[in-house]
Amino acid sequence: MIITDAQHLLDDKGAMAALRGPAKALAEFHADVIAYATDFDDSGVRQPLCFKCKKDTVKAGLAQDDAIVWRCPRCDVEGRISNWQGTLWDLSDRPETPTGRPV
């Protein structure tokens, strides 16, 4: 199981830290998982492709403790992401437009 604190992926301004190679790819995967799992309005965020097998999309959702849990059904890699609230990829508190749809 891959256990991630989302704050460890960020720089001091809250953007993705300057990472390279496999570390950057894994950080981007985690950002995609956060966006997908917090898209409660189903605005069309696509399921992320597994970073390991790259053959299937991961399933993701919220655990009782508000961590994001994810799993690839093909290769069985799984993980938990904590401290994702308020990151740039957290779509749970998007403001609404006058039409009632998220921005």
Protein backbone atom coordinates (compact mmCIF):
# COMPACT_ATOMS: atom_id res chain seq x y z
CA MET A 1 0.00 0.00 0.00
CA ILE A 2 1.25 3.46 -0.91
CA ILE A 3 0.53 5.93 1.90
CA THR A 4 0.84 9.58 0.89
CA ASP A 5 0.51 12.88 2.69
CA ALA A 6 -0.50 15.27 -0.11
CA GLN A 7 1.27 18.16 1.63
CA HIS A 8 4.60 16.43 0.94
CA LEU A 9 3.99 16.87 -2.80
CA LEU A 10 3.63 20.66 -2.58
CA ASP A 11 5.97 23.61 -2.58
CA ASP A 12 5.60 26.54 -0.16
CA LYS A 13 2.96 28.15 -2.43
CA GLY A 14 0.77 25.05 -2.64
CA ALA A 15 1.74 24.10 -6.19
CA MET A 16 3.30 20.81 -7.24
CA ALA A 17 6.87 20.65 -5.94
CA ALA A 18 9.65 20.67 -8.51
CA LEU A 19 10.05 16.94 -8.99
CA ARG A 20 11.54 14.95 -11.86
CA GLY A 21 11.25 11.52 -13.35
CA PRO A 22 9.32 8.81 -11.49
CA ALA A 23 8.72 11.08 -8.47
CA LYS A 24 7.02 13.66 -10.70
CA ALA A 25 4.90 11.00 -12.41
CA LEU A 26 3.76 9.62 -9.04
CA ALA A 27 2.97 13.12 -7.73
CA GLU A 28 0.92 13.88 -10.86
CA PHE A 29 -0.92 10.57 -10.44
CA HIS A 30 -1.80 11.50 -6.85
CA ALA A 31 -3.06 14.91 -8.02
CA ASP A 32 -5.27 13.16 -10.61
CA VAL A 33 -6.63 10.79 -7.95
CA ILE A 34 -7.45 13.72 -5.63
CA ALA A 35 -9.31 15.54 -8.43
CA TYR A 36 -11.23 12.41 -9.44
CA ALA A 37 -12.17 11.40 -5.89
CA THR A 38 -13.37 14.92 -4.96
CA ASP A 39 -15.38 15.59 -8.13
CA PHE A 40 -18.66 15.15 -6.27
CA ASP A 41 -20.59 17.08 -8.93
CA ASP A 42 -19.44 14.60 -11.57
CA SER A 43 -18.17 17.37 -13.83
CA GLY A 44 -16.28 14.96 -16.03
CA VAL A 45 -12.91 14.42 -14.36
CA ARG A 46 -11.60 11.22 -15.88
CA GLN A 47 -10.54 8.23 -13.81
CA PRO A 48 -6.76 8.19 -13.55
CA LEU A 49 -4.80 5.50 -15.32
CA CYS A 50 -2.82 3.33 -12.91
CA PHE A 51 0.73 4.67 -12.57
CA LYS A 52 2.12 1.14 -12.17
CA CYS A 53 0.51 -1.08 -14.82
CA LYS A 54 -0.78 1.76 -17.06
CA LYS A 55 -3.46 -0.64 -18.31
CA ASP A 56 -6.51 0.14 -16.17
CA THR A 57 -8.10 3.03 -14.36
CA VAL A 58 -8.04 3.19 -10.59
CA LYS A 59 -11.12 3.20 -8.38
CA ALA A 60 -11.07 5.95 -5.75
CA GLY A 61 -13.27 7.25 -2.96
CA LEU A 62 -13.28 8.67 0.54
CA ALA A 63 -12.67 6.58 3.65
CA GLN A 64 -14.46 7.23 6.96
CA ASP A 65 -11.48 9.29 8.15
CA ASP A 66 -11.66 11.46 4.97
CA ALA A 67 -8.51 9.99 3.46
CA ILE A 68 -8.77 9.17 -0.22
CA VAL A 69 -8.39 5.46 -0.86
CA TRP A 70 -7.62 4.11 -4.31
CA ARG A 71 -6.96 0.75 -5.94
CA CYS A 72 -6.15 -0.60 -9.38
CA PRO A 73 -8.35 -3.62 -10.13
CA ARG A 74 -5.82 -5.03 -12.60
CA CYS A 75 -2.54 -4.99 -10.67
CA ASP A 76 -3.94 -4.61 -7.13
CA VAL A 77 -1.70 -1.67 -6.21
CA GLU A 78 -3.55 0.51 -3.70
CA GLY A 79 -3.04 3.55 -1.58
CA ARG A 80 -4.30 6.22 0.81
CA ILE A 81 -3.89 9.97 0.44
CA SER A 82 -4.25 12.18 3.50
CA ASN A 83 -4.14 15.97 3.92
CA TRP A 84 -5.54 16.56 0.43
CA GLN A 85 -8.16 19.07 1.62
CA GLY A 86 -7.54 22.55 0.28
CA THR A 87 -4.97 21.51 -2.33
CA LEU A 88 -5.27 22.81 -5.88
CA TRP A 89 -6.75 19.45 -6.90
CA ASP A 90 -9.45 19.36 -4.22
CA LEU A 91 -12.66 19.87 -6.20
CA SER A 92 -15.02 19.36 -3.25
CA ASP A 93 -15.55 23.06 -2.47
CA ARG A 94 -15.68 24.60 -5.92
CA PRO A 95 -17.72 27.80 -6.07
CA GLU A 96 -20.91 27.69 -8.10
CA THR A 97 -21.83 29.96 -10.99
CA PRO A 98 -25.17 31.83 -11.09
CA THR A 99 -26.59 28.80 -12.95
CA GLY A 100 -25.78 26.56 -9.99
CA ARG A 101 -22.99 24.67 -11.75
CA PRO A 102 -19.40 24.53 -10.43
CA VAL A 103 -16.90 26.91 -11.98
